[in-house]
Each structure stands twice: as structure tokens, then as C-alpha cells.
C-alpha atoms as a PDB file:
ATOM      1  CA  MET A   1     -33.251 -45.013  -5.905  1.00  0.00           C
ATOM      2  CA  LEU A   2     -30.697 -42.298  -5.067  1.00  0.00           C
ATOM      3  CA  ASN A   3     -30.859 -43.304  -1.397  1.00  0.00           C
ATOM      4  CA  GLN A   4     -30.038 -46.928  -2.306  1.00  0.00           C
ATOM      5  CA  LEU A   5     -26.935 -45.804  -4.222  1.00  0.00           C
ATOM      6  CA  PHE A   6     -25.448 -44.069  -1.207  1.00  0.00           C
ATOM      7  CA  THR A   7     -26.299 -46.590   1.481  1.00  0.00           C
ATOM      8  CA  SER A   8     -25.035 -49.788  -0.144  1.00  0.00           C
ATOM      9  CA  GLY A   9     -25.759 -51.988   2.827  1.00  0.00           C
ATOM     10  CA  VAL A  10     -24.940 -49.434   5.545  1.00  0.00           C
ATOM     11  CA  GLU A  11     -27.879 -48.165   7.529  1.00  0.00           C
ATOM     12  CA  LEU A  12     -27.894 -44.348   7.287  1.00  0.00           C
ATOM     13  CA  PRO A  13     -30.578 -41.925   8.284  1.00  0.00           C
ATOM     14  CA  SER A  14     -32.749 -41.234   5.308  1.00  0.00           C
ATOM     15  CA  ILE A  15     -33.065 -37.651   4.097  1.00  0.00           C
ATOM     16  CA  PRO A  16     -34.664 -36.504   0.891  1.00  0.00           C
ATOM     17  CA  ALA A  17     -32.223 -36.151  -2.007  1.00  0.00           C
ATOM     18  CA  THR A  18     -33.303 -32.548  -2.573  1.00  0.00           C
ATOM     19  CA  LEU A  19     -32.411 -31.626   1.012  1.00  0.00           C
ATOM     20  CA  GLY A  20     -29.032 -33.361   0.716  1.00  0.00           C
ATOM     21  CA  LEU A  21     -28.215 -31.574  -2.532  1.00  0.00           C
ATOM     22  CA  ALA A  22     -29.333 -28.259  -1.008  1.00  0.00           C
ATOM     23  CA  ALA A  23     -27.022 -28.833   1.967  1.00  0.00           C
ATOM     24  CA  VAL A  24     -24.061 -29.623  -0.307  1.00  0.00           C
ATOM     25  CA  ALA A  25     -24.803 -26.571  -2.468  1.00  0.00           C
ATOM     26  CA  SER A  26     -25.022 -24.360   0.636  1.00  0.00           C
ATOM     27  CA  LEU A  27     -21.712 -25.672   1.957  1.00  0.00           C
ATOM     28  CA  GLY A  28     -20.101 -25.120  -1.446  1.00  0.00           C
ATOM     29  CA  TYR A  29     -21.421 -21.565  -1.523  1.00  0.00           C
ATOM     30  CA  LEU A  30     -20.123 -20.794   1.980  1.00  0.00           C
ATOM     31  CA  VAL A  31     -16.684 -22.303   1.321  1.00  0.00           C
ATOM     32  CA  GLY A  32     -16.433 -20.442  -1.989  1.00  0.00           C
ATOM     33  CA  ARG A  33     -17.432 -17.186  -0.342  1.00  0.00           C
ATOM     34  CA  TRP A  34     -14.896 -17.710   2.445  1.00  0.00           C
ATOM     35  CA  SER A  35     -12.080 -18.466  -0.012  1.00  0.00           C
ATOM     36  CA  ARG A  36     -12.992 -15.429  -2.161  1.00  0.00           C
ATOM     37  CA  GLN A  37     -12.862 -13.217   0.934  1.00  0.00           C
ATOM     38  CA  ALA A  38      -9.426 -14.586   1.847  1.00  0.00           C
ATOM     39  CA  THR A  39      -8.198 -13.989  -1.709  1.00  0.00           C
ATOM     40  CA  THR A  40      -9.702 -10.500  -1.707  1.00  0.00           C
ATOM     41  CA  ILE A  41      -7.948  -9.690   1.567  1.00  0.00           C
ATOM     42  CA  GLU A  42      -4.626 -10.964   0.184  1.00  0.00           C
ATOM     43  CA  ASN A  43      -5.080  -8.987  -3.027  1.00  0.00           C
ATOM     44  CA  SER A  44      -6.049  -5.901  -1.070  1.00  0.00           C
ATOM     45  CA  ALA A  45      -2.981  -6.228   1.168  1.00  0.00           C
ATOM     46  CA  SER A  46      -0.748  -6.704  -1.858  1.00  0.00           C
ATOM     47  CA  HIS A  47      -2.289  -3.684  -3.552  1.00  0.00           C
ATOM     48  CA  ASP A  48      -1.827  -1.582  -0.405  1.00  0.00           C
ATOM     49  CA  LEU A  49       1.815  -2.641  -0.152  1.00  0.00           C
ATOM     50  CA  GLN A  50       2.467  -1.741  -3.805  1.00  0.00           C
ATOM     51  CA  ARG A  51       0.788   1.628  -3.272  1.00  0.00           C
ATOM     52  CA  ALA A  52       2.874   2.307  -0.154  1.00  0.00           C
ATOM     53  CA  LEU A  53       6.082   1.443  -2.024  1.00  0.00           C
ATOM     54  CA  SER A  54       5.093   3.750  -4.873  1.00  0.00           C
ATOM     55  CA  ASP A  55       4.333   6.551  -2.415  1.00  0.00           C
ATOM     56  CA  ALA A  56       7.686   6.022  -0.693  1.00  0.00           C
ATOM     57  CA  ARG A  57       9.506   6.283  -4.040  1.00  0.00           C
ATOM     58  CA  GLN A  58       7.651   9.495  -4.843  1.00  0.00           C
ATOM     59  CA  LEU A  59       8.555  10.941  -1.434  1.00  0.00           C
ATOM     60  CA  GLU A  60      12.217  10.067  -2.028  1.00  0.00           C
ATOM     61  CA  GLN A  61      12.109  11.870  -5.375  1.00  0.00           C
ATOM     62  CA  ILE A  62      10.490  14.929  -3.810  1.00  0.00           C
ATOM     63  CA  THR A  63      13.117  14.937  -1.047  1.00  0.00           C
ATOM     64  CA  ASP A  64      15.931  14.740  -3.594  1.00  0.00           C
ATOM     65  CA  GLU A  65      14.430  17.604  -5.583  1.00  0.00           C
ATOM     66  CA  MET A  66      14.048  19.716  -2.433  1.00  0.00           C
ATOM     67  CA  LEU A  67      17.667  19.059  -1.453  1.00  0.00           C
ATOM     68  CA  ASN A  68      18.852  20.052  -4.929  1.00  0.00           C
ATOM     69  CA  VAL A  69      16.827  23.277  -4.827  1.00  0.00           C
ATOM     70  CA  THR A  70      18.106  24.052  -1.312  1.00  0.00           C
ATOM     71  CA  ARG A  71      21.714  23.485  -2.361  1.00  0.00           C
ATOM     72  CA  ALA A  72      21.256  25.680  -5.429  1.00  0.00           C
ATOM     73  CA  ALA A  73      19.691  28.432  -3.312  1.00  0.00           C
ATOM     74  CA  LEU A  74      22.556  28.289  -0.785  1.00  0.00           C
ATOM     75  CA  GLU A  75      25.149  28.454  -3.568  1.00  0.00           C
ATOM     76  CA  HIS A  76      23.319  31.408  -5.090  1.00  0.00           C
ATOM     77  CA  CYS A  77      23.263  33.225  -1.727  1.00  0.00           C
ATOM     78  CA  GLN A  78      26.983  32.579  -1.263  1.00  0.00           C
ATOM     79  CA  ARG A  79      27.738  33.999  -4.737  1.00  0.00           C
ATOM     80  CA  LEU A  80      25.663  37.080  -3.946  1.00  0.00           C
ATOM     81  CA  ARG A  81      27.611  37.667  -0.719  1.00  0.00           C
ATOM     82  CA  VAL A  82      30.944  37.411  -2.525  1.00  0.00           C
ATOM     83  CA  HIS A  83      29.978  39.748  -5.370  1.00  0.00           C
ATOM     84  CA  ARG A  84      27.991  42.295  -3.376  1.00  0.00           C
ATOM     85  CA  PRO A  85      29.824  45.588  -2.857  1.00  0.00           C
ATOM     86  CA  LYS A  86      30.349  46.460   0.778  1.00  0.00           C
ATOM     87  CA  SER A  87      28.674  49.518   2.188  1.00  0.00           C
ATOM     88  CA  LYS A  88      30.464  52.062   4.369  1.00  0.00           C
ATOM     89  CA  GLY A  89      29.421  50.321   7.577  1.00  0.00           C
ATOM     90  CA  GLN A  90      30.753  46.961   6.405  1.00  0.00           C
ATOM     91  CA  ARG A  91      34.261  48.058   5.402  1.00  0.00           C
ATOM     92  CA  ILE A  92      37.149  46.558   7.302  1.00  0.00           C
ATOM     93  CA  GLY A  93      38.082  48.691  10.273  1.00  0.00           C
ATOM     94  CA  ALA A  94      34.994  50.857  10.004  1.00  0.00           C
ATOM     95  CA  GLY A  95      32.500  51.101  12.773  1.00  0.00           C
ATOM     96  CA  SER A  96      32.788  50.754  16.531  1.00  0.00           C
ATOM     97  CA  ARG A  97      33.363  47.647  18.518  1.00  0.00           C
END
């Protein structure tokens, strides 16, 4: 009966309905699996890109903090040089040339 529905006057090779349904189900499974893999790859790539951007922002923040600490340390060293009393060997005109 199912074979008569599909042929409707056209002569097609006859296969059992169970085999036809199994073939359609297998194709549906394979196409679904393929599309899920493509979506998973896209999601994974998007996730990796977001992670890389987050890491780049963190590295920028660390760099800024390091620059601020370096500047503060240099300013501190300069203040120490200005306020440090000179020893005998460092006085102007003292020592040999």
C-alpha cells in the first residue's frame, strides 16, 4: 500500500518501506550530525576569539600597571638623588680628573 502511494503511475524500483524509512532516518542523522559539528566549530571559534580578546585586555591592564610602577620608581629614585647628601668624594671640585 505504501509503495502504491509513492509510485502513482511511475515505475520505480520497489524497496521495502522499512528500508526506505531507515535510509531517510540515516541521512537525517548524518546531516544533523554534520550541522551540529559546523555549529560547534563556529561556537568554539567564537569562544576562542572572546577569550583572546579578554586576555589581550588583561595584558593591556598589566602593562599599564607596570608602566605606572616603573614611573613611580624612577620618580622615587630621582627624589632620592636630589635629597641625598653628597659625600666627600662627590663634592664639586673634589677628586682627581
